Amino acid sequence: MFGLLDCNNFYVSCERVFNPALCQKPVLVLSNNDGCVIARSNEAKALGIQMGTPAYQLKRVIEREKIHVFSSNYALYADMSGRVMQLLESCVPAMEVYSIDEAFLDLTGITQLTSFGRKIIQMVMRGTGIPVSLGIASTKTLAKVANKFAKKYQSYQHVCLIDTQEKREKALRLTNISDVWGIGHRLTEKLHQEGVKTAYDFTCLPRAWVRQNLHLGGLCVWQELQGEKCLDLEQEEMEKKQICTSRSFGEMVTELSVLKEAIATHAARCAAKLRKQNGCVVSLVVFISTNVHRTDLPQYWKSQLVSLLVPSDDTREIVTAALHGLEQIYKQGYNYKKAGVILTEIVAKVPFQQDLFDEKNHEKAFRLMQAIDQINGFYHECKIRLAVEGTGRRWRLKQEKRSLCYTTNWRELIRIRT
């Protein structure tokens, strides 16, 4: 059996853990640069606020309904996610972290699944303050379906178990085909043309038709909904073939010096991620762009591929290459809104010299990068960085309503007055 544990309104729940006064009040969390809604409390959902709504369109509603609004605080959310996952890992044979707020659990051999599920929910709530829901079924796709019912209906007490044919068919009849995991927008339209409205309708289609028209991906979903296991847990983190770091600026940027700070910072973050998977990069892409939504301003988008002489994971070499690419594509007279770096050709790290004229002391560079990663990892922030990265004051994200980083910054620990 599989379990799918999902944190309820995760970003909002993280804010409420350290500010209990927000409970039972409408709360919104905004995207980068406070652009649009990416998380809503149930109270905000009841007011009709939709995901992705631009924040400026909600000003009157926010004032009238006294909605509490927060900028995204990813450092806090990532740390709280890690705490939840660590607790889960301690009580199940195996698990797969599917996203920042979701995990698949291996419940093989566990009896009394409903009571066990409730114990997990109580443990996570007691240990982190994050409310969660759990769906349990014989396949991962059915566990996803069960999780939606655990969230939606209070009678389940946050745990929904699909363990019989009757329960499976009832759940599928009540599930829109568009809500099925693995059925995207295009497949939904195609299935609607065949008269398929619910997940149950989908399972009634002949296997041969599904195989011919929806190929292996669609057939896998069809089989999983039938109770036939096609997907197993993915416990090992896959190595990334590309690594990208990019951000929109809080304010538009015109100066090359400011763009250099941003590109250097993004390249350094890419290098740190690269070392985590024990890889080296052969080439990278640098890109800059203006604000496509500002049609009243001149538009410009450009990227540049830069190759390294020798595959490297050294922050200094990667930043130098990225800055070289930036200098080739930068043009004066434009208001830039976004910049980024993509490591495009990643190879396994090899312990030998690959270029006849490469005189770099690789062992010394390795020890230096290792020390920097250890220090920055200990403090959960980049205490040590290259001077060219600057302070970021002129290009950082706009986070006017960000809460404190209660768990990752000593200066922002919660204070309790008695």
Protein backbone atom coordinates (compact mmCIF):
# COMPACT_ATOMS: atom_id res chain seq x y z
CA MET A 1 0.00 0.00 0.00
CA PHE A 2 1.06 3.57 -0.69
CA GLY A 3 0.35 6.69 1.31
CA LEU A 4 0.40 10.22 -0.07
CA LEU A 5 0.90 12.76 2.70
CA ASP A 6 0.23 16.38 1.77
CA CYS A 7 0.67 19.44 3.97
CA ASN A 8 -2.53 21.50 4.04
CA ASN A 9 -2.11 25.00 2.55
CA PHE A 10 1.58 24.57 3.30
CA TYR A 11 2.93 28.11 2.93
CA VAL A 12 0.02 29.53 4.91
CA SER A 13 0.43 26.83 7.57
CA CYS A 14 4.13 27.74 7.97
CA GLU A 15 3.16 31.36 8.63
CA ARG A 16 0.54 30.28 11.18
CA VAL A 17 2.97 28.07 13.13
CA PHE A 18 4.87 31.15 14.31
CA ASN A 19 1.87 33.49 14.40
CA PRO A 20 -1.10 31.61 15.93
CA ALA A 21 -3.20 34.79 15.75
CA LEU A 22 -3.58 34.04 12.02
CA CYS A 23 -5.57 30.86 12.66
CA GLN A 24 -9.12 30.95 11.27
CA LYS A 25 -8.35 34.24 9.52
CA PRO A 26 -7.94 34.77 5.75
CA VAL A 27 -4.27 34.59 4.75
CA LEU A 28 -2.52 34.93 1.39
CA VAL A 29 1.08 34.26 0.36
CA LEU A 30 2.40 36.02 -2.73
CA SER A 31 4.89 34.94 -5.38
CA ASN A 32 8.30 36.45 -6.17
CA ASN A 33 8.28 40.25 -6.09
CA ASP A 34 4.84 40.09 -4.43
CA GLY A 35 3.30 39.48 -7.84
CA CYS A 36 0.38 37.08 -7.49
CA VAL A 37 -1.29 34.65 -5.11
CA ILE A 38 0.46 31.27 -4.69
CA ALA A 39 -1.12 30.08 -1.42
CA ARG A 40 -4.49 30.68 0.27
CA SER A 41 -6.00 29.71 3.58
CA ASN A 42 -9.41 28.05 3.52
CA GLU A 43 -10.90 31.35 4.70
CA ALA A 44 -9.37 33.16 1.72
CA LYS A 45 -10.63 30.46 -0.64
CA ALA A 46 -14.14 30.97 0.76
CA LEU A 47 -13.92 34.63 -0.31
CA GLY A 48 -13.51 33.51 -3.92
CA ILE A 49 -9.83 34.41 -4.29
CA GLN A 50 -8.24 32.30 -7.03
CA MET A 51 -4.69 31.02 -7.32
CA GLY A 52 -2.53 33.18 -9.58
CA THR A 53 -4.59 36.34 -9.11
CA PRO A 54 -2.32 39.43 -9.34
CA ALA A 55 -1.99 41.10 -5.95
CA TYR A 56 -2.81 44.57 -7.28
CA GLN A 57 -6.27 43.34 -8.33
CA LEU A 58 -7.04 42.32 -4.74
CA LYS A 59 -6.29 45.58 -2.93
CA ARG A 60 -9.93 46.42 -2.22
CA VAL A 61 -10.80 42.87 -1.17
CA ILE A 62 -7.74 42.70 1.10
CA GLU A 63 -8.71 45.93 2.84
CA ARG A 64 -12.42 45.12 3.09
CA GLU A 65 -11.99 41.57 4.39
CA LYS A 66 -8.89 42.36 6.48
CA ILE A 67 -6.85 39.65 4.77
CA HIS A 68 -3.33 39.03 6.08
CA VAL A 69 -0.83 39.07 3.20
CA PHE A 70 2.76 37.73 3.22
CA SER A 71 5.64 37.71 0.78
CA SER A 72 7.00 34.25 0.01
CA ASN A 73 9.57 33.14 2.59
CA TYR A 74 11.23 30.17 0.90
CA ALA A 75 13.98 29.75 3.50
CA LEU A 76 11.35 29.19 6.19
CA TYR A 77 9.19 26.94 4.01
CA ALA A 78 12.12 24.75 2.94
CA ASP A 79 13.27 24.30 6.53
CA MET A 80 9.78 23.41 7.76
CA SER A 81 9.44 20.95 4.88
CA GLY A 82 12.69 19.29 5.92
CA ARG A 83 11.38 18.89 9.47
CA VAL A 84 8.17 17.27 8.25
CA MET A 85 10.05 14.88 5.95
CA GLN A 86 12.49 13.93 8.70
CA LEU A 87 9.62 12.93 10.98
CA LEU A 88 7.99 10.86 8.23
CA GLU A 89 11.24 9.09 7.43
CA SER A 90 11.46 7.87 11.02
CA CYS A 91 8.18 5.96 10.95
CA VAL A 92 7.87 4.27 7.52
CA PRO A 93 10.03 1.67 5.74
CA ALA A 94 10.66 3.95 2.74
CA MET A 95 9.45 7.23 1.31
CA GLU A 96 9.72 9.47 -1.74
CA VAL A 97 9.77 13.24 -1.29
CA TYR A 98 7.59 14.31 -4.20
CA SER A 99 7.55 18.08 -3.61
CA ILE A 100 8.15 20.61 -0.87
CA ASP A 101 4.84 19.67 0.78
CA GLU A 102 4.16 16.12 -0.46
CA ALA A 103 5.65 12.68 0.11
CA PHE A 104 4.75 9.17 -0.94
CA LEU A 105 5.05 6.62 1.87
CA ASP A 106 5.67 2.88 1.62
CA LEU A 107 3.13 1.28 3.99
CA THR A 108 3.96 -2.32 3.10
CA GLY A 109 3.35 -4.71 5.99
CA ILE A 110 1.62 -2.12 8.17
CA THR A 111 -1.74 -3.19 9.61
CA GLN A 112 -4.56 -0.97 10.88
CA LEU A 113 -3.71 1.59 8.22
CA THR A 114 -6.29 4.19 9.23
CA SER A 115 -5.19 4.32 12.87
CA PHE A 116 -1.54 4.29 11.80
CA GLY A 117 -2.23 7.19 9.45
CA ARG A 118 -3.83 9.21 12.23
CA LYS A 119 -0.80 8.60 14.44
CA ILE A 120 1.43 10.00 11.67
CA ILE A 121 -0.77 13.09 11.35
CA GLN A 122 -0.71 13.68 15.11
CA MET A 123 3.06 13.20 15.19
CA VAL A 124 3.67 15.74 12.40
CA MET A 125 1.25 18.23 13.96
CA ARG A 126 2.83 17.87 17.39
CA GLY A 127 6.39 18.00 16.04
CA THR A 128 6.03 20.87 13.56
CA GLY A 129 2.59 22.47 13.93
CA ILE A 130 1.84 21.75 10.25
CA PRO A 131 -1.60 20.18 9.55
CA VAL A 132 -1.42 17.33 7.02
CA SER A 133 -3.74 14.93 5.21
CA LEU A 134 -3.05 11.35 4.16
CA GLY A 135 -4.48 9.28 1.31
CA ILE A 136 -3.86 5.53 1.31
CA ALA A 137 -4.41 3.13 -1.57
CA SER A 138 -2.83 0.27 -3.53
CA THR A 139 -1.24 2.58 -6.16
CA LYS A 140 0.34 6.02 -6.12
CA THR A 141 -2.32 7.49 -8.42
CA LEU A 142 -5.16 6.16 -6.25
CA ALA A 143 -3.35 7.47 -3.16
CA LYS A 144 -3.44 10.91 -4.80
CA VAL A 145 -7.19 10.54 -5.30
CA ALA A 146 -7.64 9.42 -1.69
CA ASN A 147 -5.66 12.40 -0.44
CA LYS A 148 -8.08 14.83 -2.11
CA PHE A 149 -10.97 13.24 -0.18
CA ALA A 150 -8.97 13.34 3.07
CA LYS A 151 -8.54 17.08 2.57
CA LYS A 152 -12.06 17.85 1.38
CA TYR A 153 -14.27 15.92 3.80
CA GLN A 154 -13.92 16.39 7.56
CA SER A 155 -15.57 13.03 8.28
CA TYR A 156 -12.34 11.29 7.20
CA GLN A 157 -10.43 13.08 9.98
CA HIS A 158 -7.60 13.74 7.49
CA VAL A 159 -7.10 10.07 6.56
CA CYS A 160 -8.83 8.43 3.57
CA LEU A 161 -8.25 4.74 2.88
CA ILE A 162 -9.23 3.17 -0.44
CA ASP A 163 -8.86 -0.55 0.15
CA THR A 164 -11.90 -2.12 -1.53
CA GLN A 165 -13.39 -2.22 -5.01
CA GLU A 166 -16.48 -0.42 -3.76
CA LYS A 167 -14.47 2.45 -2.27
CA ARG A 168 -12.33 2.72 -5.40
CA GLU A 169 -15.30 3.01 -7.76
CA LYS A 170 -17.10 5.49 -5.49
CA ALA A 171 -14.01 7.71 -5.27
CA LEU A 172 -13.43 7.62 -9.03
CA ARG A 173 -17.05 8.52 -9.78
CA LEU A 174 -16.63 11.64 -7.62
CA THR A 175 -13.30 12.66 -9.19
CA ASN A 176 -13.21 14.87 -12.28
CA ILE A 177 -10.87 13.54 -14.95
CA SER A 178 -9.01 16.88 -14.91
CA ASP A 179 -8.13 16.27 -11.23
CA VAL A 180 -6.38 12.96 -11.89
CA TRP A 181 -2.62 12.96 -11.37
CA GLY A 182 -0.94 12.59 -14.78
CA ILE A 183 -3.89 13.85 -16.84
CA GLY A 184 -2.95 17.26 -18.19
CA HIS A 185 -4.94 19.90 -20.04
CA ARG A 186 -4.51 18.34 -23.49
CA LEU A 187 -5.47 14.85 -22.38
CA THR A 188 -8.48 16.25 -20.53
CA GLU A 189 -9.75 17.88 -23.73
CA LYS A 190 -9.19 14.69 -25.69
CA LEU A 191 -11.03 12.59 -23.12
CA HIS A 192 -13.90 15.06 -22.94
CA GLN A 193 -14.37 14.52 -26.68
CA GLU A 194 -14.82 10.82 -25.90
CA GLY A 195 -17.47 11.60 -23.29
CA VAL A 196 -15.12 11.02 -20.34
CA LYS A 197 -15.98 13.37 -17.47
CA THR A 198 -14.85 11.45 -14.39
CA ALA A 199 -11.98 9.17 -13.44
CA TYR A 200 -14.46 6.28 -13.39
CA ASP A 201 -15.47 7.02 -16.98
CA PHE A 202 -11.80 6.82 -17.90
CA THR A 203 -11.40 3.37 -16.34
CA CYS A 204 -14.36 2.14 -18.41
CA LEU A 205 -12.51 2.80 -21.67
CA PRO A 206 -11.04 -0.30 -23.36
CA ARG A 207 -7.38 -0.92 -22.62
CA ALA A 208 -6.60 -1.17 -26.34
CA TRP A 209 -8.13 2.26 -27.04
CA VAL A 210 -6.15 3.84 -24.19
CA ARG A 211 -2.92 2.23 -25.38
CA GLN A 212 -3.45 3.34 -28.97
CA ASN A 213 -4.64 6.90 -28.32
CA LEU A 214 -2.93 7.90 -25.05
CA HIS A 215 0.23 5.80 -25.39
CA LEU A 216 2.21 4.43 -22.44
CA GLY A 217 1.74 7.46 -20.18
CA GLY A 218 -2.03 7.36 -20.43
CA LEU A 219 -2.09 3.59 -20.09
CA CYS A 220 -0.05 3.82 -16.89
CA VAL A 221 -2.59 6.21 -15.35
CA TRP A 222 -5.46 3.95 -16.52
CA GLN A 223 -3.86 0.88 -14.92
CA GLU A 224 -3.09 2.71 -11.67
CA LEU A 225 -6.72 3.83 -11.39
CA GLN A 226 -7.73 0.19 -11.92
CA GLY A 227 -5.59 -0.74 -8.94
CA GLU A 228 -2.71 -2.17 -11.01
CA LYS A 229 0.62 -0.85 -9.72
CA CYS A 230 2.81 0.70 -12.42
CA LEU A 231 4.72 3.29 -10.40
CA ASP A 232 7.04 2.55 -7.51
CA LEU A 233 8.80 4.83 -5.06
CA GLU A 234 11.72 6.82 -6.43
CA GLN A 235 14.01 6.92 -3.43
CA GLU A 236 17.24 8.07 -5.08
CA GLU A 237 17.40 11.69 -6.14
CA MET A 238 18.01 11.92 -9.86
CA GLU A 239 21.03 13.90 -10.96
CA LYS A 240 20.03 17.01 -12.87
CA LYS A 241 21.19 17.32 -16.46
CA GLN A 242 20.73 21.09 -16.25
CA ILE A 243 20.87 23.48 -13.33
CA CYS A 244 19.26 26.90 -13.54
CA THR A 245 19.15 29.85 -11.17
CA SER A 246 17.26 32.97 -12.21
CA ARG A 247 15.27 35.74 -10.59
CA SER A 248 13.13 38.69 -11.53
CA PHE A 249 14.40 41.94 -10.06
CA GLY A 250 12.47 43.88 -7.45
CA GLU A 251 13.17 46.99 -9.51
CA MET A 252 14.22 47.26 -13.15
CA VAL A 253 17.98 47.45 -13.68
CA THR A 254 19.92 49.44 -16.28
CA GLU A 255 23.57 49.39 -15.10
CA LEU A 256 25.99 46.63 -16.13
CA SER A 257 27.57 46.64 -12.66
CA VAL A 258 24.25 45.69 -11.03
CA LEU A 259 23.61 42.97 -13.60
CA LYS A 260 27.09 41.60 -12.87
CA GLU A 261 26.17 41.23 -9.18
CA ALA A 262 23.03 39.32 -10.08
CA ILE A 263 24.71 37.04 -12.64
CA ALA A 264 27.64 36.34 -10.31
CA THR A 265 25.25 35.41 -7.50
CA HIS A 266 23.18 33.12 -9.74
CA ALA A 267 26.32 31.45 -11.12
CA ALA A 268 27.63 30.87 -7.58
CA ARG A 269 24.32 29.25 -6.56
CA CYS A 270 24.47 27.00 -9.62
CA ALA A 271 28.02 25.97 -8.73
CA ALA A 272 26.99 25.03 -5.19
CA LYS A 273 24.11 22.90 -6.53
CA LEU A 274 26.49 21.31 -9.02
CA ARG A 275 28.89 20.20 -6.29
CA LYS A 276 26.04 18.63 -4.34
CA GLN A 277 25.54 16.12 -7.14
CA ASN A 278 29.31 15.66 -7.60
CA GLY A 279 29.29 17.01 -11.14
CA CYS A 280 31.28 19.36 -13.33
CA VAL A 281 30.04 21.72 -16.02
CA VAL A 282 31.39 22.00 -19.55
CA SER A 283 29.26 24.91 -20.77
CA LEU A 284 26.71 27.38 -19.45
CA VAL A 285 24.18 29.88 -20.74
CA VAL A 286 23.71 33.44 -19.48
CA PHE A 287 20.51 35.34 -20.28
CA ILE A 288 19.01 38.74 -19.57
CA SER A 289 15.60 40.15 -20.49
CA THR A 290 13.43 43.21 -20.14
CA ASN A 291 9.86 43.23 -18.79
CA VAL A 292 7.62 41.78 -21.51
CA HIS A 293 4.57 43.25 -19.79
CA ARG A 294 5.89 46.81 -20.15
CA THR A 295 4.93 47.36 -23.79
CA ASP A 296 5.65 51.06 -23.33
CA LEU A 297 9.39 50.31 -22.98
CA PRO A 298 11.91 48.96 -25.52
CA GLN A 299 12.18 45.16 -25.41
CA TYR A 300 15.34 43.05 -25.44
CA TRP A 301 16.08 39.39 -24.70
CA LYS A 302 19.44 37.77 -25.29
CA SER A 303 21.36 34.69 -24.21
CA GLN A 304 24.96 33.61 -24.63
CA LEU A 305 26.55 30.15 -24.52
CA VAL A 306 29.97 30.03 -22.84
CA SER A 307 32.23 26.96 -22.83
CA LEU A 308 34.88 26.22 -20.22
CA LEU A 309 38.31 24.97 -21.27
CA VAL A 310 38.19 22.22 -18.64
CA PRO A 311 35.07 20.79 -16.90
CA SER A 312 34.82 22.51 -13.52
CA ASP A 313 32.80 22.80 -10.32
CA ASP A 314 34.82 25.75 -9.03
CA THR A 315 32.62 28.76 -8.23
CA ARG A 316 35.36 31.17 -9.31
CA GLU A 317 35.69 29.66 -12.79
CA ILE A 318 31.94 29.37 -13.32
CA VAL A 319 31.32 32.96 -12.22
CA THR A 320 34.14 34.24 -14.46
CA ALA A 321 32.65 32.42 -17.45
CA ALA A 322 29.15 33.74 -16.68
CA LEU A 323 30.36 37.33 -16.42
CA HIS A 324 32.19 36.95 -19.73
CA GLY A 325 28.92 35.87 -21.33
CA LEU A 326 27.06 38.79 -19.79
CA GLU A 327 29.51 41.32 -21.20
CA GLN A 328 28.89 39.96 -24.70
CA ILE A 329 25.10 40.38 -24.59
CA TYR A 330 24.61 43.48 -22.43
CA LYS A 331 23.26 46.57 -24.21
CA GLN A 332 22.77 50.03 -22.79
CA GLY A 333 19.43 51.77 -22.97
CA TYR A 334 17.25 48.93 -21.72
CA ASN A 335 15.43 48.37 -18.44
CA TYR A 336 16.22 44.79 -17.46
CA LYS A 337 13.76 42.80 -15.33
CA LYS A 338 15.28 39.32 -15.19
CA ALA A 339 18.63 37.54 -15.44
CA GLY A 340 19.79 33.99 -15.01
CA VAL A 341 22.43 31.31 -15.48
CA ILE A 342 21.89 27.77 -16.78
CA LEU A 343 24.53 25.04 -16.50
CA THR A 344 23.75 23.15 -19.69
CA GLU A 345 26.34 20.40 -20.11
CA ILE A 346 26.97 18.57 -16.85
CA VAL A 347 29.38 15.63 -16.66
CA ALA A 348 30.62 13.36 -13.91
CA LYS A 349 33.56 14.65 -11.93
CA VAL A 350 36.83 12.94 -12.93
CA PRO A 351 39.97 12.93 -10.74
CA PHE A 352 42.54 13.62 -13.43
CA GLN A 353 43.85 16.47 -15.56
CA GLN A 354 42.02 16.76 -18.89
CA ASP A 355 43.99 19.53 -20.59
CA LEU A 356 47.72 19.63 -21.29
CA PHE A 357 47.95 23.33 -20.41
CA ASP A 358 45.76 23.18 -17.31
CA GLU A 359 48.06 24.24 -14.46
CA LYS A 360 45.35 24.67 -11.83
CA ASN A 361 45.84 22.97 -8.45
CA HIS A 362 42.59 21.00 -8.46
CA GLU A 363 43.13 19.47 -5.03
CA LYS A 364 43.54 22.88 -3.42
CA ALA A 365 40.47 24.22 -5.26
CA PHE A 366 38.44 21.20 -4.13
CA ARG A 367 39.35 21.77 -0.47
CA LEU A 368 38.48 25.46 -0.75
CA MET A 369 35.05 24.81 -2.31
CA GLN A 370 34.37 22.08 0.24
CA ALA A 371 35.15 24.43 3.13
CA ILE A 372 32.93 27.17 1.69
CA ASP A 373 30.03 24.72 1.22
CA GLN A 374 30.38 23.45 4.78
CA ILE A 375 30.34 26.93 6.29
CA ASN A 376 27.44 28.17 4.16
CA GLY A 377 25.54 24.97 4.82
CA PHE A 378 25.98 25.32 8.57
CA TYR A 379 24.57 28.85 8.58
CA HIS A 380 21.85 28.09 5.97
CA GLU A 381 22.90 31.18 4.03
CA CYS A 382 25.84 32.40 1.94
CA LYS A 383 28.13 33.78 4.61
CA ILE A 384 31.11 33.35 2.29
CA ARG A 385 30.75 34.61 -1.27
CA LEU A 386 32.77 36.30 -3.97
CA ALA A 387 33.14 40.07 -3.77
CA VAL A 388 31.66 40.45 -7.26
CA GLU A 389 28.35 39.11 -5.93
CA GLY A 390 27.91 42.33 -3.97
CA THR A 391 25.07 42.82 -1.50
CA GLY A 392 22.18 42.53 -3.92
CA ARG A 393 20.40 45.57 -2.54
CA ARG A 394 19.63 46.96 -5.99
CA TRP A 395 18.30 43.80 -7.60
CA ARG A 396 16.94 41.49 -4.89
CA LEU A 397 13.35 40.29 -4.93
CA LYS A 398 10.71 42.62 -3.58
CA GLN A 399 9.60 41.09 -0.28
CA GLU A 400 7.90 43.92 1.53
CA LYS A 401 5.67 41.61 3.56
CA ARG A 402 8.07 38.78 4.36
CA SER A 403 7.81 37.20 7.79
CA LEU A 404 10.91 36.42 9.83
CA CYS A 405 13.12 33.41 9.07
CA TYR A 406 12.33 31.94 12.47
CA THR A 407 14.20 28.67 12.04
CA THR A 408 17.16 29.57 9.80
CA ASN A 409 18.45 32.90 11.12
CA TRP A 410 19.71 33.47 14.66
CA ARG A 411 18.79 37.15 14.46
CA GLU A 412 15.17 36.31 13.64
CA LEU A 413 14.32 33.74 16.29
CA ILE A 414 10.81 33.97 17.67
CA ARG A 415 10.47 36.11 20.81
CA ILE A 416 7.94 35.27 23.49
CA ARG A 417 6.92 37.88 26.01
CA THR A 418 5.65 36.72 29.39
